[in-house]
C-alpha atoms as a PDB file:
ATOM      1  CA  GLY A   1      -1.725  14.689   1.250  1.00  0.00           C
ATOM      2  CA  ARG A   2      -0.214  11.676  -0.642  1.00  0.00           C
ATOM      3  CA  VAL A   3      -1.229  10.397  -4.139  1.00  0.00           C
ATOM      4  CA  PHE A   4      -1.743   6.500  -4.090  1.00  0.00           C
ATOM      5  CA  VAL A   5      -1.906   5.071  -7.506  1.00  0.00           C
ATOM      6  CA  ASN A   6      -2.145   1.514  -8.581  1.00  0.00           C
ATOM      7  CA  VAL A   7       0.464  -0.300 -10.997  1.00  0.00           C
ATOM      8  CA  SER A   8       0.802  -4.298 -11.496  1.00  0.00           C
ATOM      9  CA  PRO A   9       4.021  -5.673 -11.335  1.00  0.00           C
ATOM     10  CA  ASP A  10       3.766  -6.472 -15.161  1.00  0.00           C
ATOM     11  CA  ALA A  11       3.663  -3.045 -15.829  1.00  0.00           C
ATOM     12  CA  LEU A  12       6.679  -2.306 -14.062  1.00  0.00           C
ATOM     13  CA  LEU A  13       8.471  -4.432 -16.358  1.00  0.00           C
ATOM     14  CA  ALA A  14       6.720  -4.001 -19.813  1.00  0.00           C
ATOM     15  CA  GLY A  15       9.895  -1.688 -21.022  1.00  0.00           C
ATOM     16  CA  LEU A  16       8.281   1.710 -20.216  1.00  0.00           C
ATOM     17  CA  ASP A  17      10.735   4.012 -18.946  1.00  0.00           C
ATOM     18  CA  TRP A  18       8.595   4.826 -15.681  1.00  0.00           C
ATOM     19  CA  PRO A  19      10.972   7.022 -13.930  1.00  0.00           C
ATOM     20  CA  ARG A  20      11.055   9.566 -17.303  1.00  0.00           C
ATOM     21  CA  GLU A  21       7.322   9.045 -17.719  1.00  0.00           C
ATOM     22  CA  LEU A  22       6.256   9.528 -14.043  1.00  0.00           C
ATOM     23  CA  GLU A  23       8.214  12.326 -13.485  1.00  0.00           C
ATOM     24  CA  ARG A  24       6.939  14.211 -16.806  1.00  0.00           C
ATOM     25  CA  LEU A  25       3.372  13.412 -15.370  1.00  0.00           C
ATOM     26  CA  CYS A  26       4.037  15.147 -11.936  1.00  0.00           C
ATOM     27  CA  ALA A  27       5.487  18.157 -13.568  1.00  0.00           C
ATOM     28  CA  ARG A  28       2.512  18.548 -16.121  1.00  0.00           C
ATOM     29  CA  HIS A  29       0.170  18.008 -13.044  1.00  0.00           C
ATOM     30  CA  GLY A  30       2.060  19.891 -10.520  1.00  0.00           C
ATOM     31  CA  VAL A  31       2.528  16.935  -8.219  1.00  0.00           C
ATOM     32  CA  GLU A  32       5.811  16.347  -6.588  1.00  0.00           C
ATOM     33  CA  PRO A  33       7.233  13.154  -6.721  1.00  0.00           C
ATOM     34  CA  GLY A  34       7.558  12.792  -2.798  1.00  0.00           C
ATOM     35  CA  ARG A  35       3.911  12.799  -2.393  1.00  0.00           C
ATOM     36  CA  CYS A  36       3.150   9.831  -4.682  1.00  0.00           C
ATOM     37  CA  VAL A  37       2.937   6.449  -3.537  1.00  0.00           C
ATOM     38  CA  LEU A  38       2.965   3.637  -6.178  1.00  0.00           C
ATOM     39  CA  GLU A  39       0.758   0.834  -5.249  1.00  0.00           C
ATOM     40  CA  LEU A  40       1.723  -2.747  -6.530  1.00  0.00           C
ATOM     41  CA  THR A  41      -1.026  -4.837  -7.115  1.00  0.00           C
ATOM     42  CA  GLU A  42      -0.890  -8.638  -6.168  1.00  0.00           C
ATOM     43  CA  GLN A  43      -2.987 -10.152  -8.965  1.00  0.00           C
ATOM     44  CA  SER A  44      -0.523 -11.899 -10.611  1.00  0.00           C
ATOM     45  CA  LEU A  45       2.628 -13.619 -10.086  1.00  0.00           C
ATOM     46  CA  VAL A  46       6.022 -12.000  -9.664  1.00  0.00           C
ATOM     47  CA  GLU A  47       9.090 -13.665 -11.043  1.00  0.00           C
ATOM     48  CA  ASP A  48      11.498 -10.938 -11.979  1.00  0.00           C
ATOM     49  CA  TYR A  49      11.925  -9.243  -8.737  1.00  0.00           C
ATOM     50  CA  ALA A  50      15.518  -7.706 -10.095  1.00  0.00           C
ATOM     51  CA  GLY A  51      13.839  -5.943 -12.675  1.00  0.00           C
ATOM     52  CA  ILE A  52      11.288  -4.484 -10.570  1.00  0.00           C
ATOM     53  CA  ARG A  53      13.701  -3.719  -7.773  1.00  0.00           C
ATOM     54  CA  HIS A  54      15.513  -1.915 -10.400  1.00  0.00           C
ATOM     55  CA  THR A  55      12.655   0.233 -11.752  1.00  0.00           C
ATOM     56  CA  LEU A  56      11.724   1.295  -8.010  1.00  0.00           C
ATOM     57  CA  ASP A  57      15.125   2.021  -6.912  1.00  0.00           C
ATOM     58  CA  ALA A  58      15.211   4.299  -9.902  1.00  0.00           C
ATOM     59  CA  LEU A  59      11.838   6.143  -8.915  1.00  0.00           C
ATOM     60  CA  ARG A  60      12.800   6.096  -5.273  1.00  0.00           C
ATOM     61  CA  ARG A  61      15.670   8.088  -6.071  1.00  0.00           C
ATOM     62  CA  LEU A  62      13.114  10.738  -7.783  1.00  0.00           C
ATOM     63  CA  GLY A  63      11.151  10.836  -4.078  1.00  0.00           C
ATOM     64  CA  PHE A  64       8.363   8.366  -4.955  1.00  0.00           C
ATOM     65  CA  ASP A  65       7.492   5.933  -2.262  1.00  0.00           C
ATOM     66  CA  PHE A  66       5.590   2.298  -2.785  1.00  0.00           C
ATOM     67  CA  ALA A  67       3.270   0.040  -1.131  1.00  0.00           C
ATOM     68  CA  ILE A  68       1.925  -3.189  -1.697  1.00  0.00           C
ATOM     69  CA  ASP A  69      -1.799  -3.455  -2.010  1.00  0.00           C
ATOM     70  CA  ASP A  70      -4.155  -5.921  -0.578  1.00  0.00           C
ATOM     71  CA  PHE A  71      -1.655  -7.490   1.171  1.00  0.00           C
ATOM     72  CA  GLY A  72      -2.892 -11.172   1.907  1.00  0.00           C
ATOM     73  CA  SER A  73      -5.110 -11.453  -1.063  1.00  0.00           C
ATOM     74  CA  GLY A  74      -2.977 -12.214  -3.927  1.00  0.00           C
ATOM     75  CA  TYR A  75       0.376 -14.040  -4.906  1.00  0.00           C
ATOM     76  CA  SER A  76       3.909 -13.789  -3.228  1.00  0.00           C
ATOM     77  CA  GLY A  77       2.783 -11.339  -0.757  1.00  0.00           C
ATOM     78  CA  LEU A  78       5.406 -12.368   1.944  1.00  0.00           C
ATOM     79  CA  ARG A  79       8.194 -12.693  -0.710  1.00  0.00           C
ATOM     80  CA  MET A  80       7.173  -9.089  -2.457  1.00  0.00           C
ATOM     81  CA  TRP A  81       7.660  -7.910   0.725  1.00  0.00           C
ATOM     82  CA  ALA A  82      10.831  -9.157   1.569  1.00  0.00           C
ATOM     83  CA  GLU A  83      12.141  -8.761  -1.791  1.00  0.00           C
ATOM     84  CA  LEU A  84      10.983  -5.210  -2.463  1.00  0.00           C
ATOM     85  CA  ARG A  85      10.928  -3.585   1.085  1.00  0.00           C
ATOM     86  CA  PRO A  86       7.960  -1.210   0.697  1.00  0.00           C
ATOM     87  CA  ASP A  87       7.131   1.798   2.181  1.00  0.00           C
ATOM     88  CA  PHE A  88       3.582   0.831   3.115  1.00  0.00           C
ATOM     89  CA  VAL A  89       1.516  -2.409   3.466  1.00  0.00           C
ATOM     90  CA  LYS A  90      -1.921  -2.118   2.609  1.00  0.00           C
ATOM     91  CA  ILE A  91      -3.773  -4.960   4.436  1.00  0.00           C
ATOM     92  CA  ASP A  92      -6.520  -6.466   2.447  1.00  0.00           C
ATOM     93  CA  ARG A  93     -10.025  -5.640   3.695  1.00  0.00           C
ATOM     94  CA  TYR A  94     -10.764  -9.442   4.233  1.00  0.00           C
ATOM     95  CA  PHE A  95      -8.489  -9.478   7.463  1.00  0.00           C
ATOM     96  CA  VAL A  96      -9.760  -5.852   8.572  1.00  0.00           C
ATOM     97  CA  THR A  97     -13.578  -7.001   8.507  1.00  0.00           C
ATOM     98  CA  ASP A  98     -14.712  -7.804  12.149  1.00  0.00           C
ATOM     99  CA  VAL A  99     -11.204  -7.696  13.411  1.00  0.00           C
ATOM    100  CA  ASP A 100     -12.325  -6.428  16.710  1.00  0.00           C
ATOM    101  CA  ARG A 101     -14.635  -9.769  16.789  1.00  0.00           C
ATOM    102  CA  ASP A 102     -12.768 -12.462  15.174  1.00  0.00           C
ATOM    103  CA  PRO A 103      -9.514 -13.572  17.253  1.00  0.00           C
ATOM    104  CA  VAL A 104      -7.760 -15.247  14.233  1.00  0.00           C
ATOM    105  CA  ARG A 105      -7.843 -12.170  12.289  1.00  0.00           C
ATOM    106  CA  LEU A 106      -6.946  -9.970  14.880  1.00  0.00           C
ATOM    107  CA  GLU A 107      -3.813 -12.332  15.575  1.00  0.00           C
ATOM    108  CA  PHE A 108      -3.070 -12.091  11.474  1.00  0.00           C
ATOM    109  CA  VAL A 109      -3.317  -8.270  11.644  1.00  0.00           C
ATOM    110  CA  ARG A 110      -0.787  -8.249  14.675  1.00  0.00           C
ATOM    111  CA  SER A 111       1.527 -10.198  12.836  1.00  0.00           C
ATOM    112  CA  ILE A 112       1.494  -8.057   9.965  1.00  0.00           C
ATOM    113  CA  VAL A 113       1.891  -5.134  12.282  1.00  0.00           C
ATOM    114  CA  ASP A 114       5.281  -6.971  13.860  1.00  0.00           C
ATOM    115  CA  MET A 115       6.719  -7.759  10.504  1.00  0.00           C
ATOM    116  CA  ALA A 116       6.196  -4.299   9.272  1.00  0.00           C
ATOM    117  CA  ARG A 117       7.897  -2.900  12.335  1.00  0.00           C
ATOM    118  CA  ALA A 118      10.637  -5.281  11.519  1.00  0.00           C
ATOM    119  CA  ALA A 119      10.881  -4.302   7.927  1.00  0.00           C
ATOM    120  CA  GLY A 120      10.481  -0.409   8.378  1.00  0.00           C
ATOM    121  CA  SER A 121       7.145  -0.458   6.594  1.00  0.00           C
ATOM    122  CA  GLN A 122       4.007   1.633   7.655  1.00  0.00           C
ATOM    123  CA  VAL A 123       0.638  -0.348   7.797  1.00  0.00           C
ATOM    124  CA  ILE A 124      -2.482   0.952   6.265  1.00  0.00           C
ATOM    125  CA  ALA A 125      -5.802  -1.242   6.653  1.00  0.00           C
ATOM    126  CA  GLU A 126      -8.315  -1.152   4.138  1.00  0.00           C
ATOM    127  CA  GLY A 127     -11.918  -1.446   4.125  1.00  0.00           C
ATOM    128  CA  LEU A 128     -12.610  -0.095   7.879  1.00  0.00           C
ATOM    129  CA  GLU A 129     -16.406  -0.042   8.331  1.00  0.00           C
ATOM    130  CA  SER A 130     -17.067   0.081  11.878  1.00  0.00           C
ATOM    131  CA  ASP A 131     -16.105   1.873  14.929  1.00  0.00           C
ATOM    132  CA  GLY A 132     -15.074  -1.419  16.711  1.00  0.00           C
ATOM    133  CA  GLU A 133     -12.526  -2.202  13.775  1.00  0.00           C
ATOM    134  CA  CYS A 134     -11.122   1.114  14.125  1.00  0.00           C
ATOM    135  CA  ARG A 135     -10.296   0.769  17.769  1.00  0.00           C
ATOM    136  CA  ALA A 136      -9.010  -2.699  17.306  1.00  0.00           C
ATOM    137  CA  LEU A 137      -6.745  -1.385  14.666  1.00  0.00           C
ATOM    138  CA  HIS A 138      -5.436   1.467  16.771  1.00  0.00           C
ATOM    139  CA  GLU A 139      -4.916  -0.830  19.626  1.00  0.00           C
ATOM    140  CA  LEU A 140      -2.902  -2.992  17.382  1.00  0.00           C
ATOM    141  CA  GLY A 141      -0.698  -0.084  16.066  1.00  0.00           C
ATOM    142  CA  VAL A 142      -1.924  -0.012  12.493  1.00  0.00           C
ATOM    143  CA  ASP A 143      -0.505   3.630  11.011  1.00  0.00           C
ATOM    144  CA  ALA A 144      -3.618   4.442   8.876  1.00  0.00           C
ATOM    145  CA  VAL A 145      -6.855   3.326   7.868  1.00  0.00           C
ATOM    146  CA  GLN A 146      -9.090   3.730   4.791  1.00  0.00           C
ATOM    147  CA  GLY A 147     -12.901   2.815   4.362  1.00  0.00           C
ATOM    148  CA  PHE A 148     -16.479   3.831   4.431  1.00  0.00           C
ATOM    149  CA  VAL A 149     -16.554   4.613   8.159  1.00  0.00           C
ATOM    150  CA  LEU A 150     -14.378   7.723   7.384  1.00  0.00           C
ATOM    151  CA  GLY A 151     -16.205   8.651   4.489  1.00  0.00           C
ATOM    152  CA  ARG A 152     -17.321   7.524   0.753  1.00  0.00           C
ATOM    153  CA  PRO A 153     -15.039   8.179  -2.555  1.00  0.00           C
ATOM    154  CA  ALA A 154     -15.662  11.663  -3.605  1.00  0.00           C
ATOM    155  CA  ARG A 155     -14.565  13.370  -7.098  1.00  0.00           C
ATOM    156  CA  LEU A 156     -12.603  15.993  -5.127  1.00  0.00           C
ATOM    157  CA  PRO A 157     -10.891  15.921  -1.568  1.00  0.00           C
ATOM    158  CA  VAL A 158     -13.042  16.606   1.262  1.00  0.00           C
ATOM    159  CA  GLU A 159     -11.449  18.163   4.118  1.00  0.00           C
ATOM    160  CA  PRO A 160     -11.912  16.202   7.501  1.00  0.00           C
ATOM    161  CA  ALA A 161     -14.454  17.591   9.721  1.00  0.00           C
END
């Protein structure tokens, strides 16, 4: 499995030596950096892409991957994607809800999947709550899904049935 951890772009620019700190935390908890994905939130406007890219490049050299979280719900999603080239793009639940019944949402997700293929990113759909949504996302080629239809959050990982 992989560990996904949210971090704001502002935090990456706050002056912390992220590579050293994350490497130390991984060693302390016995987690390989290659199993870790940092999810960049889109809750603030990003202006210093070069600074963020510098930090992310150092983290990638250590084995970390990164994702854009809640794509489509916050600031500068397309620019962030183009500038930072994430390994994963997590589609906001807004576009996932009723994707099997809403042709506009379906086309948005189809476009995101197409862009991901061109950019070399994997797509994760968040907020999956029905079998119909699951089928539609599978047919569109979404790489992975998360949501209550698969299971509720738990303190400890649960083995799949």
